[in-house]
Amino acid sequence: VGLDDDLVCPSVTPMRFVGNGDGHRFQAEVLLGRAGSLGYTVRAVPNHPQLASGAEMGLIALPL
């Protein structure tokens, strides 16, 4: 996190499907490479080899 609480050097981490007991559940592991203030945001996007991009289906939405 930068001085203005902006995300600096964000990265993308793929999630894997781990179950469907109470609903769809995905999981990812994030390794922390340093100590200090860290920021997170999560955005789930469709991922399929036949999609041109994650935005193709128009399902990406930003939090309000």
PDB file of N, CA and C in Angstrom:
ATOM      1  N   VAL A   1       0.855  -1.173   0.000  1.00  0.00           N
ATOM      2  CA  VAL A   1       0.000   0.000   0.000  1.00  0.00           C
ATOM      3  C   VAL A   1       0.896   1.230   0.000  1.00  0.00           C
ATOM      4  N   GLY A   2       0.539   2.191  -0.830  1.00  0.00           N
ATOM      5  CA  GLY A   2       1.313   3.430  -0.899  1.00  0.00           C
ATOM      6  C   GLY A   2       0.924   4.412   0.184  1.00  0.00           C
ATOM      7  N   LEU A   3       1.506   5.606   0.127  1.00  0.00           N
ATOM      8  CA  LEU A   3       1.253   6.633   1.135  1.00  0.00           C
ATOM      9  C   LEU A   3      -0.210   7.070   1.184  1.00  0.00           C
ATOM     10  N   ASP A   4      -0.906   7.022   0.048  1.00  0.00           N
ATOM     11  CA  ASP A   4      -2.320   7.412  -0.017  1.00  0.00           C
ATOM     12  C   ASP A   4      -3.251   6.209   0.028  1.00  0.00           C
ATOM     13  N   ASP A   5      -2.785   5.095   0.568  1.00  0.00           N
ATOM     14  CA  ASP A   5      -3.549   3.847   0.640  1.00  0.00           C
ATOM     15  C   ASP A   5      -3.926   3.298  -0.733  1.00  0.00           C
ATOM     16  N   ASP A   6      -3.149   3.648  -1.752  1.00  0.00           N
ATOM     17  CA  ASP A   6      -3.342   3.081  -3.089  1.00  0.00           C
ATOM     18  C   ASP A   6      -2.596   1.759  -3.163  1.00  0.00           C
ATOM     19  N   LEU A   7      -3.128   0.822  -3.951  1.00  0.00           N
ATOM     20  CA  LEU A   7      -2.425  -0.444  -4.164  1.00  0.00           C
ATOM     21  C   LEU A   7      -1.244  -0.204  -5.093  1.00  0.00           C
ATOM     22  N   VAL A   8      -0.061  -0.649  -4.679  1.00  0.00           N
ATOM     23  CA  VAL A   8       1.162  -0.491  -5.455  1.00  0.00           C
ATOM     24  C   VAL A   8       1.621  -1.881  -5.885  1.00  0.00           C
ATOM     25  N   CYS A   9       1.946  -2.045  -7.145  1.00  0.00           N
ATOM     26  CA  CYS A   9       2.398  -3.335  -7.692  1.00  0.00           C
ATOM     27  C   CYS A   9       1.388  -4.452  -7.426  1.00  0.00           C
ATOM     28  N   PRO A  10       0.132  -4.288  -7.855  1.00  0.00           N
ATOM     29  CA  PRO A  10      -0.853  -5.363  -7.630  1.00  0.00           C
ATOM     30  C   PRO A  10      -0.490  -6.598  -8.443  1.00  0.00           C
ATOM     31  N   SER A  11      -0.985  -7.747  -8.006  1.00  0.00           N
ATOM     32  CA  SER A  11      -0.742  -8.993  -8.721  1.00  0.00           C
ATOM     33  C   SER A  11      -2.050  -9.764  -8.855  1.00  0.00           C
ATOM     34  N   VAL A  12      -2.071 -10.701  -9.771  1.00  0.00           N
ATOM     35  CA  VAL A  12      -3.238 -11.539 -10.022  1.00  0.00           C
ATOM     36  C   VAL A  12      -2.925 -12.943  -9.528  1.00  0.00           C
ATOM     37  N   THR A  13      -3.836 -13.515  -8.765  1.00  0.00           N
ATOM     38  CA  THR A  13      -3.677 -14.872  -8.260  1.00  0.00           C
ATOM     39  C   THR A  13      -4.884 -15.702  -8.667  1.00  0.00           C
ATOM     40  N   PRO A  14      -4.707 -16.724  -9.491  1.00  0.00           N
ATOM     41  CA  PRO A  14      -5.841 -17.577  -9.874  1.00  0.00           C
ATOM     42  C   PRO A  14      -6.366 -18.347  -8.663  1.00  0.00           C
ATOM     43  N   MET A  15      -7.684 -18.545  -8.626  1.00  0.00           N
ATOM     44  CA  MET A  15      -8.307 -19.334  -7.571  1.00  0.00           C
ATOM     45  C   MET A  15      -8.718 -20.677  -8.147  1.00  0.00           C
ATOM     46  N   ARG A  16      -8.821 -21.691  -7.288  1.00  0.00           N
ATOM     47  CA  ARG A  16      -9.241 -23.015  -7.761  1.00  0.00           C
ATOM     48  C   ARG A  16     -10.545 -23.394  -7.059  1.00  0.00           C
ATOM     49  N   PHE A  17     -11.357 -24.137  -7.759  1.00  0.00           N
ATOM     50  CA  PHE A  17     -12.636 -24.609  -7.230  1.00  0.00           C
ATOM     51  C   PHE A  17     -12.365 -25.679  -6.186  1.00  0.00           C
ATOM     52  N   VAL A  18     -12.935 -25.526  -4.982  1.00  0.00           N
ATOM     53  CA  VAL A  18     -12.679 -26.491  -3.908  1.00  0.00           C
ATOM     54  C   VAL A  18     -13.942 -27.137  -3.367  1.00  0.00           C
ATOM     55  N   GLY A  19     -15.097 -26.780  -3.857  1.00  0.00           N
ATOM     56  CA  GLY A  19     -16.299 -27.453  -3.373  1.00  0.00           C
ATOM     57  C   GLY A  19     -17.569 -26.733  -3.721  1.00  0.00           C
ATOM     58  N   ASN A  20     -18.667 -27.402  -3.511  1.00  0.00           N
ATOM     59  CA  ASN A  20     -19.968 -26.839  -3.826  1.00  0.00           C
ATOM     60  C   ASN A  20     -20.971 -27.247  -2.749  1.00  0.00           C
ATOM     61  N   GLY A  21     -20.569 -27.282  -1.466  1.00  0.00           N
ATOM     62  CA  GLY A  21     -21.460 -27.682  -0.386  1.00  0.00           C
ATOM     63  C   GLY A  21     -22.550 -26.648  -0.123  1.00  0.00           C
ATOM     64  N   ASP A  22     -22.175 -25.436   0.251  1.00  0.00           N
ATOM     65  CA  ASP A  22     -23.133 -24.360   0.550  1.00  0.00           C
ATOM     66  C   ASP A  22     -23.292 -23.415  -0.629  1.00  0.00           C
ATOM     67  N   GLY A  23     -22.645 -23.643  -1.692  1.00  0.00           N
ATOM     68  CA  GLY A  23     -22.596 -22.755  -2.843  1.00  0.00           C
ATOM     69  C   GLY A  23     -21.231 -22.922  -3.481  1.00  0.00           C
ATOM     70  N   HIS A  24     -20.952 -22.167  -4.486  1.00  0.00           N
ATOM     71  CA  HIS A  24     -19.661 -22.284  -5.162  1.00  0.00           C
ATOM     72  C   HIS A  24     -18.570 -21.742  -4.240  1.00  0.00           C
ATOM     73  N   ARG A  25     -17.480 -22.479  -4.105  1.00  0.00           N
ATOM     74  CA  ARG A  25     -16.388 -22.073  -3.231  1.00  0.00           C
ATOM     75  C   ARG A  25     -15.066 -22.221  -3.974  1.00  0.00           C
ATOM     76  N   PHE A  26     -14.308 -21.136  -3.973  1.00  0.00           N
ATOM     77  CA  PHE A  26     -12.994 -21.111  -4.599  1.00  0.00           C
ATOM     78  C   PHE A  26     -11.965 -20.716  -3.554  1.00  0.00           C
ATOM     79  N   GLN A  27     -10.724 -21.092  -3.782  1.00  0.00           N
ATOM     80  CA  GLN A  27      -9.672 -20.854  -2.793  1.00  0.00           C
ATOM     81  C   GLN A  27      -8.378 -20.486  -3.500  1.00  0.00           C
ATOM     82  N   ALA A  28      -7.590 -19.634  -2.877  1.00  0.00           N
ATOM     83  CA  ALA A  28      -6.270 -19.278  -3.396  1.00  0.00           C
ATOM     84  C   ALA A  28      -5.331 -19.073  -2.220  1.00  0.00           C
ATOM     85  N   GLU A  29      -4.057 -19.264  -2.458  1.00  0.00           N
ATOM     86  CA  GLU A  29      -3.042 -19.018  -1.444  1.00  0.00           C
ATOM     87  C   GLU A  29      -2.196 -17.844  -1.891  1.00  0.00           C
ATOM     88  N   VAL A  30      -2.018 -16.886  -0.994  1.00  0.00           N
ATOM     89  CA  VAL A  30      -1.228 -15.700  -1.296  1.00  0.00           C
ATOM     90  C   VAL A  30      -0.019 -15.697  -0.379  1.00  0.00           C
ATOM     91  N   LEU A  31       1.165 -15.746  -0.964  1.00  0.00           N
ATOM     92  CA  LEU A  31       2.399 -15.718  -0.190  1.00  0.00           C
ATOM     93  C   LEU A  31       2.826 -14.265   0.017  1.00  0.00           C
ATOM     94  N   LEU A  32       3.126 -13.908   1.255  1.00  0.00           N
ATOM     95  CA  LEU A  32       3.539 -12.544   1.569  1.00  0.00           C
ATOM     96  C   LEU A  32       5.055 -12.464   1.513  1.00  0.00           C
ATOM     97  N   GLY A  33       5.561 -11.567   0.692  1.00  0.00           N
ATOM     98  CA  GLY A  33       6.991 -11.451   0.503  1.00  0.00           C
ATOM     99  C   GLY A  33       7.655 -10.422   1.397  1.00  0.00           C
ATOM    100  N   ARG A  34       6.854  -9.702   2.196  1.00  0.00           N
ATOM    101  CA  ARG A  34       7.427  -8.689   3.064  1.00  0.00           C
ATOM    102  C   ARG A  34       6.473  -8.394   4.213  1.00  0.00           C
ATOM    103  N   ALA A  35       6.982  -7.730   5.214  1.00  0.00           N
ATOM    104  CA  ALA A  35       6.154  -7.299   6.339  1.00  0.00           C
ATOM    105  C   ALA A  35       5.676  -5.872   6.081  1.00  0.00           C
ATOM    106  N   GLY A  36       4.711  -5.426   6.857  1.00  0.00           N
ATOM    107  CA  GLY A  36       4.246  -4.048   6.746  1.00  0.00           C
ATOM    108  C   GLY A  36       2.809  -3.987   6.308  1.00  0.00           C
ATOM    109  N   SER A  37       2.395  -2.797   5.928  1.00  0.00           N
ATOM    110  CA  SER A  37       1.018  -2.546   5.524  1.00  0.00           C
ATOM    111  C   SER A  37       0.759  -3.180   4.155  1.00  0.00           C
ATOM    112  N   LEU A  38      -0.285  -3.980   4.072  1.00  0.00           N
ATOM    113  CA  LEU A  38      -0.654  -4.646   2.824  1.00  0.00           C
ATOM    114  C   LEU A  38      -2.115  -4.344   2.516  1.00  0.00           C
ATOM    115  N   GLY A  39      -2.460  -4.298   1.258  1.00  0.00           N
ATOM    116  CA  GLY A  39      -3.850  -4.067   0.860  1.00  0.00           C
ATOM    117  C   GLY A  39      -4.332  -5.183  -0.041  1.00  0.00           C
ATOM    118  N   TYR A  40      -5.617  -5.485   0.057  1.00  0.00           N
ATOM    119  CA  TYR A  40      -6.209  -6.552  -0.752  1.00  0.00           C
ATOM    120  C   TYR A  40      -7.495  -6.058  -1.385  1.00  0.00           C
ATOM    121  N   THR A  41      -7.736  -6.525  -2.569  1.00  0.00           N
ATOM    122  CA  THR A  41      -9.028  -6.382  -3.210  1.00  0.00           C
ATOM    123  C   THR A  41      -9.259  -7.671  -3.983  1.00  0.00           C
ATOM    124  N   VAL A  42     -10.481  -8.103  -4.061  1.00  0.00           N
ATOM    125  CA  VAL A  42     -10.790  -9.354  -4.751  1.00  0.00           C
ATOM    126  C   VAL A  42     -11.770  -9.054  -5.871  1.00  0.00           C
ATOM    127  N   ARG A  43     -11.447  -9.534  -7.049  1.00  0.00           N
ATOM    128  CA  ARG A  43     -12.342  -9.399  -8.195  1.00  0.00           C
ATOM    129  C   ARG A  43     -12.406 -10.754  -8.874  1.00  0.00           C
ATOM    130  N   ALA A  44     -13.581 -11.334  -8.907  1.00  0.00           N
ATOM    131  CA  ALA A  44     -13.769 -12.626  -9.569  1.00  0.00           C
ATOM    132  C   ALA A  44     -14.208 -12.375 -11.007  1.00  0.00           C
ATOM    133  N   VAL A  45     -13.503 -12.976 -11.947  1.00  0.00           N
ATOM    134  CA  VAL A  45     -13.832 -12.822 -13.361  1.00  0.00           C
ATOM    135  C   VAL A  45     -13.943 -14.193 -14.009  1.00  0.00           C
ATOM    136  N   PRO A  46     -14.772 -14.320 -15.048  1.00  0.00           N
ATOM    137  CA  PRO A  46     -14.886 -15.595 -15.752  1.00  0.00           C
ATOM    138  C   PRO A  46     -13.544 -15.973 -16.375  1.00  0.00           C
ATOM    139  N   ASN A  47     -13.289 -17.271 -16.408  1.00  0.00           N
ATOM    140  CA  ASN A  47     -12.052 -17.747 -17.010  1.00  0.00           C
ATOM    141  C   ASN A  47     -12.346 -19.032 -17.767  1.00  0.00           C
ATOM    142  N   HIS A  48     -12.217 -18.966 -19.069  1.00  0.00           N
ATOM    143  CA  HIS A  48     -12.439 -20.131 -19.916  1.00  0.00           C
ATOM    144  C   HIS A  48     -11.615 -19.945 -21.180  1.00  0.00           C
ATOM    145  N   PRO A  49     -10.995 -21.006 -21.701  1.00  0.00           N
ATOM    146  CA  PRO A  49     -10.147 -20.866 -22.883  1.00  0.00           C
ATOM    147  C   PRO A  49     -10.868 -20.301 -24.102  1.00  0.00           C
ATOM    148  N   GLN A  50     -12.191 -20.460 -24.202  1.00  0.00           N
ATOM    149  CA  GLN A  50     -12.910 -19.991 -25.384  1.00  0.00           C
ATOM    150  C   GLN A  50     -13.388 -18.541 -25.260  1.00  0.00           C
ATOM    151  N   LEU A  51     -13.179 -17.900 -24.103  1.00  0.00           N
ATOM    152  CA  LEU A  51     -13.518 -16.488 -23.957  1.00  0.00           C
ATOM    153  C   LEU A  51     -12.376 -15.638 -24.509  1.00  0.00           C
ATOM    154  N   ALA A  52     -12.735 -14.556 -25.197  1.00  0.00           N
ATOM    155  CA  ALA A  52     -11.708 -13.661 -25.730  1.00  0.00           C
ATOM    156  C   ALA A  52     -11.008 -12.912 -24.602  1.00  0.00           C
ATOM    157  N   SER A  53     -11.759 -12.568 -23.540  1.00  0.00           N
ATOM    158  CA  SER A  53     -11.190 -11.892 -22.370  1.00  0.00           C
ATOM    159  C   SER A  53     -12.136 -12.106 -21.196  1.00  0.00           C
ATOM    160  N   GLY A  54     -11.698 -11.730 -19.997  1.00  0.00           N
ATOM    161  CA  GLY A  54     -12.541 -11.861 -18.818  1.00  0.00           C
ATOM    162  C   GLY A  54     -13.754 -10.959 -18.846  1.00  0.00           C
ATOM    163  N   ALA A  55     -13.719  -9.918 -19.667  1.00  0.00           N
ATOM    164  CA  ALA A  55     -14.831  -8.976 -19.745  1.00  0.00           C
ATOM    165  C   ALA A  55     -15.824  -9.325 -20.854  1.00  0.00           C
ATOM    166  N   GLU A  56     -15.582 -10.371 -21.608  1.00  0.00           N
ATOM    167  CA  GLU A  56     -16.418 -10.679 -22.772  1.00  0.00           C
ATOM    168  C   GLU A  56     -17.889 -10.875 -22.411  1.00  0.00           C
ATOM    169  N   MET A  57     -18.165 -11.548 -21.294  1.00  0.00           N
ATOM    170  CA  MET A  57     -19.553 -11.858 -20.949  1.00  0.00           C
ATOM    171  C   MET A  57     -20.286 -10.697 -20.286  1.00  0.00           C
ATOM    172  N   GLY A  58     -19.605  -9.611 -19.999  1.00  0.00           N
ATOM    173  CA  GLY A  58     -20.240  -8.466 -19.366  1.00  0.00           C
ATOM    174  C   GLY A  58     -20.628  -8.745 -17.922  1.00  0.00           C
ATOM    175  N   LEU A  59     -19.943  -9.670 -17.253  1.00  0.00           N
ATOM    176  CA  LEU A  59     -20.306 -10.033 -15.885  1.00  0.00           C
ATOM    177  C   LEU A  59     -19.434  -9.354 -14.830  1.00  0.00           C
ATOM    178  N   ILE A  60     -18.433  -8.600 -15.242  1.00  0.00           N
ATOM    179  CA  ILE A  60     -17.552  -7.942 -14.281  1.00  0.00           C
ATOM    180  C   ILE A  60     -18.263  -6.713 -13.730  1.00  0.00           C
ATOM    181  N   ALA A  61     -18.295  -6.597 -12.418  1.00  0.00           N
ATOM    182  CA  ALA A  61     -18.923  -5.437 -11.772  1.00  0.00           C
ATOM    183  C   ALA A  61     -17.986  -4.916 -10.691  1.00  0.00           C
ATOM    184  N   LEU A  62     -18.054  -3.630 -10.449  1.00  0.00           N
ATOM    185  CA  LEU A  62     -17.259  -3.009  -9.405  1.00  0.00           C
ATOM    186  C   LEU A  62     -18.106  -2.838  -8.164  1.00  0.00           C
ATOM    187  N   PRO A  63     -17.510  -2.929  -6.978  1.00  0.00           N
ATOM    188  CA  PRO A  63     -18.297  -2.730  -5.755  1.00  0.00           C
ATOM    189  C   PRO A  63     -18.804  -1.289  -5.694  1.00  0.00           C
ATOM    190  N   LEU A  64     -19.971  -1.126  -5.097  1.00  0.00           N
ATOM    191  CA  LEU A  64     -20.561   0.219  -4.980  1.00  0.00           C
ATOM    192  C   LEU A  64     -20.087   0.921  -3.745  1.00  0.00           C
TER     193      LEU A  64
END
